[in-house]
PDB file of all heavy atoms in Angstrom:
ATOM      1  N   ILE A   1      -4.381  27.140 -18.219  1.00  0.00           N
ATOM      2  CA  ILE A   1      -4.293  26.875 -16.772  1.00  0.00           C
ATOM      3  C   ILE A   1      -3.202  25.837 -16.520  1.00  0.00           C
ATOM      4  O   ILE A   1      -3.186  24.775 -17.143  1.00  0.00           O
ATOM      5  CB  ILE A   1      -5.648  26.360 -16.235  1.00  0.00           C
ATOM      6  CG1 ILE A   1      -6.771  27.337 -16.603  1.00  0.00           C
ATOM      7  CG2 ILE A   1      -5.577  26.173 -14.722  1.00  0.00           C
ATOM      8  CD1 ILE A   1      -8.155  26.785 -16.337  1.00  0.00           C
ATOM      9  N   GLU A   2      -2.306  26.136 -15.612  1.00  0.00           N
ATOM     10  CA  GLU A   2      -1.246  25.177 -15.306  1.00  0.00           C
ATOM     11  C   GLU A   2      -0.786  25.315 -13.863  1.00  0.00           C
ATOM     12  O   GLU A   2      -0.927  26.374 -13.241  1.00  0.00           O
ATOM     13  CB  GLU A   2      -0.054  25.363 -16.243  1.00  0.00           C
ATOM     14  CG  GLU A   2       0.620  26.710 -16.140  1.00  0.00           C
ATOM     15  CD  GLU A   2       1.818  26.831 -17.077  1.00  0.00           C
ATOM     16  OE1 GLU A   2       1.885  26.088 -18.080  1.00  0.00           O
ATOM     17  OE2 GLU A   2       2.691  27.659 -16.783  1.00  0.00           O
ATOM     18  N   ILE A   3      -0.256  24.194 -13.364  1.00  0.00           N
ATOM     19  CA  ILE A   3       0.328  24.185 -12.019  1.00  0.00           C
ATOM     20  C   ILE A   3       1.749  24.717 -12.130  1.00  0.00           C
ATOM     21  O   ILE A   3       2.580  24.159 -12.841  1.00  0.00           O
ATOM     22  CB  ILE A   3       0.320  22.772 -11.419  1.00  0.00           C
ATOM     23  CG1 ILE A   3      -1.119  22.297 -11.226  1.00  0.00           C
ATOM     24  CG2 ILE A   3       1.071  22.733 -10.094  1.00  0.00           C
ATOM     25  CD1 ILE A   3      -1.219  20.862 -10.730  1.00  0.00           C
ATOM     26  N   VAL A   4       2.026  25.794 -11.426  1.00  0.00           N
ATOM     27  CA  VAL A   4       3.341  26.430 -11.483  1.00  0.00           C
ATOM     28  C   VAL A   4       4.301  25.767 -10.497  1.00  0.00           C
ATOM     29  O   VAL A   4       5.471  25.546 -10.801  1.00  0.00           O
ATOM     30  CB  VAL A   4       3.226  27.935 -11.189  1.00  0.00           C
ATOM     31  CG1 VAL A   4       4.606  28.594 -11.192  1.00  0.00           C
ATOM     32  CG2 VAL A   4       2.301  28.607 -12.200  1.00  0.00           C
ATOM     33  N   SER A   5       3.818  25.447  -9.329  1.00  0.00           N
ATOM     34  CA  SER A   5       4.686  24.806  -8.324  1.00  0.00           C
ATOM     35  C   SER A   5       3.850  23.951  -7.397  1.00  0.00           C
ATOM     36  O   SER A   5       2.636  24.157  -7.248  1.00  0.00           O
ATOM     37  CB  SER A   5       5.453  25.864  -7.516  1.00  0.00           C
ATOM     38  OG  SER A   5       4.560  26.656  -6.739  1.00  0.00           O
ATOM     39  N   PHE A   6       4.514  22.992  -6.792  1.00  0.00           N
ATOM     40  CA  PHE A   6       3.872  22.085  -5.838  1.00  0.00           C
ATOM     41  C   PHE A   6       4.861  21.916  -4.681  1.00  0.00           C
ATOM     42  O   PHE A   6       5.878  21.253  -4.831  1.00  0.00           O
ATOM     43  CB  PHE A   6       3.578  20.740  -6.509  1.00  0.00           C
ATOM     44  CG  PHE A   6       2.703  19.827  -5.705  1.00  0.00           C
ATOM     45  CD1 PHE A   6       1.329  19.875  -5.804  1.00  0.00           C
ATOM     46  CD2 PHE A   6       3.268  18.917  -4.812  1.00  0.00           C
ATOM     47  CE1 PHE A   6       0.523  19.027  -5.064  1.00  0.00           C
ATOM     48  CE2 PHE A   6       2.472  18.065  -4.078  1.00  0.00           C
ATOM     49  CZ  PHE A   6       1.092  18.126  -4.191  1.00  0.00           C
ATOM     50  N   ASP A   7       4.603  22.552  -3.579  1.00  0.00           N
ATOM     51  CA  ASP A   7       5.547  22.556  -2.460  1.00  0.00           C
ATOM     52  C   ASP A   7       5.063  21.629  -1.347  1.00  0.00           C
ATOM     53  O   ASP A   7       3.931  21.747  -0.854  1.00  0.00           O
ATOM     54  CB  ASP A   7       5.709  23.967  -1.896  1.00  0.00           C
ATOM     55  CG  ASP A   7       6.380  24.904  -2.893  1.00  0.00           C
ATOM     56  OD1 ASP A   7       7.263  24.418  -3.619  1.00  0.00           O
ATOM     57  OD2 ASP A   7       6.010  26.086  -2.943  1.00  0.00           O
ATOM     58  N   LEU A   8       5.951  20.714  -0.962  1.00  0.00           N
ATOM     59  CA  LEU A   8       5.648  19.770   0.103  1.00  0.00           C
ATOM     60  C   LEU A   8       6.234  20.283   1.407  1.00  0.00           C
ATOM     61  O   LEU A   8       7.449  20.428   1.547  1.00  0.00           O
ATOM     62  CB  LEU A   8       6.237  18.396  -0.226  1.00  0.00           C
ATOM     63  CG  LEU A   8       5.872  17.812  -1.596  1.00  0.00           C
ATOM     64  CD1 LEU A   8       6.585  16.500  -1.814  1.00  0.00           C
ATOM     65  CD2 LEU A   8       4.370  17.630  -1.687  1.00  0.00           C
ATOM     66  N   THR A   9       5.392  20.575   2.363  1.00  0.00           N
ATOM     67  CA  THR A   9       5.890  21.050   3.648  1.00  0.00           C
ATOM     68  C   THR A   9       5.948  19.933   4.689  1.00  0.00           C
ATOM     69  O   THR A   9       6.759  19.954   5.586  1.00  0.00           O
ATOM     70  CB  THR A   9       4.991  22.179   4.184  1.00  0.00           C
ATOM     71  OG1 THR A   9       3.631  21.694   4.230  1.00  0.00           O
ATOM     72  CG2 THR A   9       5.054  23.389   3.271  1.00  0.00           C
ATOM     73  N   GLN A  10       5.102  18.940   4.516  1.00  0.00           N
ATOM     74  CA  GLN A  10       5.057  17.855   5.496  1.00  0.00           C
ATOM     75  C   GLN A  10       4.557  16.583   4.803  1.00  0.00           C
ATOM     76  O   GLN A  10       3.666  16.633   3.953  1.00  0.00           O
ATOM     77  CB  GLN A  10       4.123  18.222   6.657  1.00  0.00           C
ATOM     78  CG  GLN A  10       4.061  17.188   7.765  1.00  0.00           C
ATOM     79  CD  GLN A  10       3.069  17.589   8.862  1.00  0.00           C
ATOM     80  OE1 GLN A  10       2.570  18.703   8.881  1.00  0.00           O
ATOM     81  NE2 GLN A  10       2.787  16.665   9.747  1.00  0.00           N
ATOM     82  N   SER A  11       5.153  15.464   5.170  1.00  0.00           N
ATOM     83  CA  SER A  11       4.695  14.193   4.607  1.00  0.00           C
ATOM     84  C   SER A  11       4.900  13.090   5.636  1.00  0.00           C
ATOM     85  O   SER A  11       5.766  13.174   6.503  1.00  0.00           O
ATOM     86  CB  SER A  11       5.444  13.858   3.314  1.00  0.00           C
ATOM     87  OG  SER A  11       6.832  13.750   3.556  1.00  0.00           O
ATOM     88  N   THR A  12       4.099  12.071   5.542  1.00  0.00           N
ATOM     89  CA  THR A  12       4.215  10.919   6.433  1.00  0.00           C
ATOM     90  C   THR A  12       4.164   9.650   5.589  1.00  0.00           C
ATOM     91  O   THR A  12       3.898   9.700   4.390  1.00  0.00           O
ATOM     92  CB  THR A  12       3.076  10.902   7.473  1.00  0.00           C
ATOM     93  OG1 THR A  12       1.816  10.784   6.784  1.00  0.00           O
ATOM     94  CG2 THR A  12       3.086  12.156   8.327  1.00  0.00           C
ATOM     95  N   LEU A  13       4.417   8.537   6.239  1.00  0.00           N
ATOM     96  CA  LEU A  13       4.417   7.264   5.530  1.00  0.00           C
ATOM     97  C   LEU A  13       3.707   6.214   6.369  1.00  0.00           C
ATOM     98  O   LEU A  13       3.906   6.123   7.581  1.00  0.00           O
ATOM     99  CB  LEU A  13       5.853   6.811   5.249  1.00  0.00           C
ATOM    100  CG  LEU A  13       5.982   5.496   4.484  1.00  0.00           C
ATOM    101  CD1 LEU A  13       5.559   5.690   3.032  1.00  0.00           C
ATOM    102  CD2 LEU A  13       7.407   4.979   4.541  1.00  0.00           C
ATOM    103  N   GLU A  14       2.890   5.418   5.707  1.00  0.00           N
ATOM    104  CA  GLU A  14       2.257   4.273   6.355  1.00  0.00           C
ATOM    105  C   GLU A  14       2.686   3.003   5.625  1.00  0.00           C
ATOM    106  O   GLU A  14       2.895   3.012   4.415  1.00  0.00           O
ATOM    107  CB  GLU A  14       0.732   4.363   6.284  1.00  0.00           C
ATOM    108  CG  GLU A  14       0.108   5.571   6.923  1.00  0.00           C
ATOM    109  CD  GLU A  14      -1.381   5.637   6.623  1.00  0.00           C
ATOM    110  OE1 GLU A  14      -2.053   4.575   6.698  1.00  0.00           O
ATOM    111  OE2 GLU A  14      -1.863   6.728   6.277  1.00  0.00           O
ATOM    112  N   THR A  15       2.823   1.930   6.369  1.00  0.00           N
ATOM    113  CA  THR A  15       2.933   0.608   5.749  1.00  0.00           C
ATOM    114  C   THR A  15       1.796  -0.222   6.308  1.00  0.00           C
ATOM    115  O   THR A  15       1.452  -0.125   7.484  1.00  0.00           O
ATOM    116  CB  THR A  15       4.280  -0.064   6.066  1.00  0.00           C
ATOM    117  OG1 THR A  15       4.497  -0.061   7.481  1.00  0.00           O
ATOM    118  CG2 THR A  15       5.410   0.659   5.374  1.00  0.00           C
ATOM    119  N   SER A  16       1.206  -1.022   5.442  1.00  0.00           N
ATOM    120  CA  SER A  16       0.032  -1.782   5.851  1.00  0.00           C
ATOM    121  C   SER A  16       0.149  -3.199   5.313  1.00  0.00           C
ATOM    122  O   SER A  16       0.459  -3.399   4.131  1.00  0.00           O
ATOM    123  CB  SER A  16      -1.233  -1.104   5.326  1.00  0.00           C
ATOM    124  OG  SER A  16      -2.388  -1.863   5.632  1.00  0.00           O
ATOM    125  N   ALA A  17      -0.066  -4.178   6.182  1.00  0.00           N
ATOM    126  CA  ALA A  17       0.008  -5.580   5.768  1.00  0.00           C
ATOM    127  C   ALA A  17      -1.069  -5.860   4.712  1.00  0.00           C
ATOM    128  O   ALA A  17      -2.162  -5.293   4.766  1.00  0.00           O
ATOM    129  CB  ALA A  17      -0.180  -6.480   6.983  1.00  0.00           C
ATOM    130  N   PRO A  18      -0.796  -6.710   3.727  1.00  0.00           N
ATOM    131  CA  PRO A  18       0.454  -7.462   3.630  1.00  0.00           C
ATOM    132  C   PRO A  18       1.572  -6.757   2.869  1.00  0.00           C
ATOM    133  O   PRO A  18       2.724  -7.031   3.073  1.00  0.00           O
ATOM    134  CB  PRO A  18       0.026  -8.731   2.890  1.00  0.00           C
ATOM    135  CG  PRO A  18      -1.081  -8.253   1.993  1.00  0.00           C
ATOM    136  CD  PRO A  18      -1.813  -7.198   2.761  1.00  0.00           C
ATOM    137  N   ASN A  19       1.244  -5.822   1.955  1.00  0.00           N
ATOM    138  CA  ASN A  19       2.323  -5.288   1.134  1.00  0.00           C
ATOM    139  C   ASN A  19       2.001  -3.900   0.582  1.00  0.00           C
ATOM    140  O   ASN A  19       2.213  -3.624  -0.589  1.00  0.00           O
ATOM    141  CB  ASN A  19       2.648  -6.239  -0.025  1.00  0.00           C
ATOM    142  CG  ASN A  19       1.443  -6.605  -0.859  1.00  0.00           C
ATOM    143  OD1 ASN A  19       0.352  -6.098  -0.634  1.00  0.00           O
ATOM    144  ND2 ASN A  19       1.633  -7.477  -1.826  1.00  0.00           N
ATOM    145  N   LEU A  20       1.494  -3.012   1.435  1.00  0.00           N
ATOM    146  CA  LEU A  20       1.153  -1.663   0.989  1.00  0.00           C
ATOM    147  C   LEU A  20       2.152  -0.645   1.531  1.00  0.00           C
ATOM    148  O   LEU A  20       2.569  -0.697   2.684  1.00  0.00           O
ATOM    149  CB  LEU A  20      -0.254  -1.278   1.450  1.00  0.00           C
ATOM    150  CG  LEU A  20      -1.428  -1.868   0.666  1.00  0.00           C
ATOM    151  CD1 LEU A  20      -2.747  -1.391   1.261  1.00  0.00           C
ATOM    152  CD2 LEU A  20      -1.357  -1.501  -0.804  1.00  0.00           C
ATOM    153  N   PHE A  21       2.516   0.275   0.659  1.00  0.00           N
ATOM    154  CA  PHE A  21       3.437   1.361   0.946  1.00  0.00           C
ATOM    155  C   PHE A  21       2.637   2.634   0.672  1.00  0.00           C
ATOM    156  O   PHE A  21       2.229   2.869  -0.473  1.00  0.00           O
ATOM    157  CB  PHE A  21       4.640   1.210   0.009  1.00  0.00           C
ATOM    158  CG  PHE A  21       5.678   2.284   0.067  1.00  0.00           C
ATOM    159  CD1 PHE A  21       6.612   2.313   1.078  1.00  0.00           C
ATOM    160  CD2 PHE A  21       5.752   3.246  -0.936  1.00  0.00           C
ATOM    161  CE1 PHE A  21       7.597   3.294   1.103  1.00  0.00           C
ATOM    162  CE2 PHE A  21       6.732   4.223  -0.922  1.00  0.00           C
ATOM    163  CZ  PHE A  21       7.658   4.242   0.109  1.00  0.00           C
ATOM    164  N   ILE A  22       2.342   3.460   1.689  1.00  0.00           N
ATOM    165  CA  ILE A  22       1.373   4.546   1.530  1.00  0.00           C
ATOM    166  C   ILE A  22       2.004   5.883   1.915  1.00  0.00           C
ATOM    167  O   ILE A  22       2.063   6.236   3.097  1.00  0.00           O
ATOM    168  CB  ILE A  22       0.117   4.310   2.393  1.00  0.00           C
ATOM    169  CG1 ILE A  22      -0.432   2.898   2.160  1.00  0.00           C
ATOM    170  CG2 ILE A  22      -0.940   5.363   2.085  1.00  0.00           C
ATOM    171  CD1 ILE A  22      -1.511   2.501   3.143  1.00  0.00           C
ATOM    172  N   PRO A  23       2.494   6.659   0.931  1.00  0.00           N
ATOM    173  CA  PRO A  23       2.970   8.007   1.241  1.00  0.00           C
ATOM    174  C   PRO A  23       1.792   8.968   1.380  1.00  0.00           C
ATOM    175  O   PRO A  23       0.814   8.899   0.634  1.00  0.00           O
ATOM    176  CB  PRO A  23       3.846   8.363   0.037  1.00  0.00           C
ATOM    177  CG  PRO A  23       3.392   7.475  -1.067  1.00  0.00           C
ATOM    178  CD  PRO A  23       2.762   6.265  -0.446  1.00  0.00           C
ATOM    179  N   ASN A  24       1.886   9.874   2.343  1.00  0.00           N
ATOM    180  CA  ASN A  24       0.863  10.886   2.579  1.00  0.00           C
ATOM    181  C   ASN A  24       1.491  12.273   2.498  1.00  0.00           C
ATOM    182  O   ASN A  24       2.497  12.546   3.162  1.00  0.00           O
ATOM    183  CB  ASN A  24       0.234  10.721   3.965  1.00  0.00           C
ATOM    184  CG  ASN A  24      -0.554   9.446   4.108  1.00  0.00           C
ATOM    185  OD1 ASN A  24      -1.667   9.338   3.632  1.00  0.00           O
ATOM    186  ND2 ASN A  24       0.042   8.463   4.773  1.00  0.00           N
ATOM    187  N   VAL A  25       0.896  13.134   1.700  1.00  0.00           N
ATOM    188  CA  VAL A  25       1.296  14.541   1.651  1.00  0.00           C
ATOM    189  C   VAL A  25       0.319  15.321   2.514  1.00  0.00           C
ATOM    190  O   VAL A  25      -0.899  15.219   2.344  1.00  0.00           O
ATOM    191  CB  VAL A  25       1.282  15.066   0.197  1.00  0.00           C
ATOM    192  CG1 VAL A  25       1.565  16.558   0.164  1.00  0.00           C
ATOM    193  CG2 VAL A  25       2.296  14.304  -0.642  1.00  0.00           C
ATOM    194  N   VAL A  26       0.854  16.092   3.457  1.00  0.00           N
ATOM    195  CA  VAL A  26       0.012  16.812   4.409  1.00  0.00           C
ATOM    196  C   VAL A  26       0.283  18.315   4.298  1.00  0.00           C
ATOM    197  O   VAL A  26       1.442  18.753   4.336  1.00  0.00           O
ATOM    198  CB  VAL A  26       0.286  16.344   5.853  1.00  0.00           C
ATOM    199  CG1 VAL A  26      -0.611  17.086   6.836  1.00  0.00           C
ATOM    200  CG2 VAL A  26       0.102  14.842   5.973  1.00  0.00           C
ATOM    201  N   ASP A  27      -0.793  19.091   4.127  1.00  0.00           N
ATOM    202  CA  ASP A  27      -0.717  20.551   4.149  1.00  0.00           C
ATOM    203  C   ASP A  27       0.277  21.100   3.122  1.00  0.00           C
ATOM    204  O   ASP A  27       1.071  21.996   3.419  1.00  0.00           O
ATOM    205  CB  ASP A  27      -0.349  21.034   5.557  1.00  0.00           C
ATOM    206  CG  ASP A  27      -0.720  22.497   5.768  1.00  0.00           C
ATOM    207  OD1 ASP A  27      -1.638  22.975   5.080  1.00  0.00           O
ATOM    208  OD2 ASP A  27      -0.060  23.152   6.609  1.00  0.00           O
ATOM    209  N   ALA A  28       0.229  20.568   1.914  1.00  0.00           N
ATOM    210  CA  ALA A  28       1.078  21.089   0.838  1.00  0.00           C
ATOM    211  C   ALA A  28       0.424  22.331   0.237  1.00  0.00           C
ATOM    212  O   ALA A  28      -0.715  22.681   0.545  1.00  0.00           O
ATOM    213  CB  ALA A  28       1.264  20.017  -0.231  1.00  0.00           C
ATOM    214  N   SER A  29       1.187  23.008  -0.620  1.00  0.00           N
ATOM    215  CA  SER A  29       0.638  24.178  -1.304  1.00  0.00           C
ATOM    216  C   SER A  29       0.895  24.061  -2.797  1.00  0.00           C
ATOM    217  O   SER A  29       1.921  23.523  -3.225  1.00  0.00           O
ATOM    218  CB  SER A  29       1.253  25.466  -0.759  1.00  0.00           C
ATOM    219  OG  SER A  29       2.655  25.465  -0.936  1.00  0.00           O
TER     220      SER A  29
END
């Protein structure tokens, strides 16, 4: 069993005090 592909169709980004960097992958396949 293996992952053949990972397609990102939409992504967002959050920053949160004091020092967080938060990428979000939305509705990927």
